[in-house]
Amino acid sequence: MSNWIDLKQDADTGIESVRAHFVGHAYDPHWHDSFLVGVTEQGVQQFNCRKVRHQSTAGHVFLLEPGDLHDGDAPTAEGFTYSTLYLDPQWLDTELRALFDQVPGDSLPRFADTLCQDTRLVCATALAFQAMHGQELRIVRQAALDQLLAALTCHLHWRKRLNPDPRLPLTAQRARDFLHAHFDQDIALEQVAQACGVDRFRLTRAFKSAFGLAPHAYLIQLRLARARRLLGQGQTPAEAAVALGFADQSHLGRWFRRAYRLTPADYRRRCSNLPD
């Protein structure tokens, strides 16, 4: 069976639902700006995340937070199939606070586990995916998502919104903030280092240690995450490329295909129902 991806986006919540199959190499290291909740349907889904190699098989739920660097490959010949929901952080935070009274203030949701075999969560994830991907009635989608959120509470921690975060080097955090503030510009590494008050060699070492990527690779991932949002809102690949500082549409396309195995035009069509 060849590799394939089936992607849709819910107009009400912005939640993306992705079902895919891969044989061999699936993804290079990358991250998302969404919470990922997914189930492995078949085969062995192998990925590295948080400096641990995980192997997800049928009956496993995988849980990734925004910014979690991960890759993917199939270590067995039959490959693997999975279904995933991409939950917008603001949507998730709002829904949790609306549904549950005991949500601490000034805190962010955090997954306690990257991989788990909680039968209730497996079933809730599968049902929520079917409702969203199958574009069921709105009341059915909402009920399925509420059931998913209820099952997720057993696997959620809450952490304070800390800036700076004492767990990470201050240099790396300053560099990350600089990249977020200037993501659409042609930034030189020397500029980032100067803003952080260190030389570029120390900057790169600190950044890779904290985030798992060199600053230039992180900047590409940041632009790609923004590209998904712009394309999903209906912008053309050419418009998104200009807005995000890519040299041209083809430059965006090369990086987008490497990260998501879809062209920007295909992603836009699937999310927005607009012609290419």
Foldseek 3Di string as FASTA:
>chain_A
DAKDKAWAADPPFRKIKIKIWHAFFDADWAFAQFKKKKAWQAAWKWKDWPNDIDTHHHQKIFIDHGLTIMTIGGPDGVTTIMMMITHHQVSLVVVCVVPDPPDDPQKGKDFQDRMDRPVQLSVLRVLLSCCRSVVHPPVSNVVSVVSNSVVRVVGIDIDHPDVVDPVADPLLSQLVVVCVVQLQDPDDLQVSCVSSVHGSVVSQVRNCVGRVDGSVVVSLSVLLNVLLVCLLVPDDLQVSCNRRNHPGSVSNQVSNCNGPVDGSQVSSCNRNVDHD
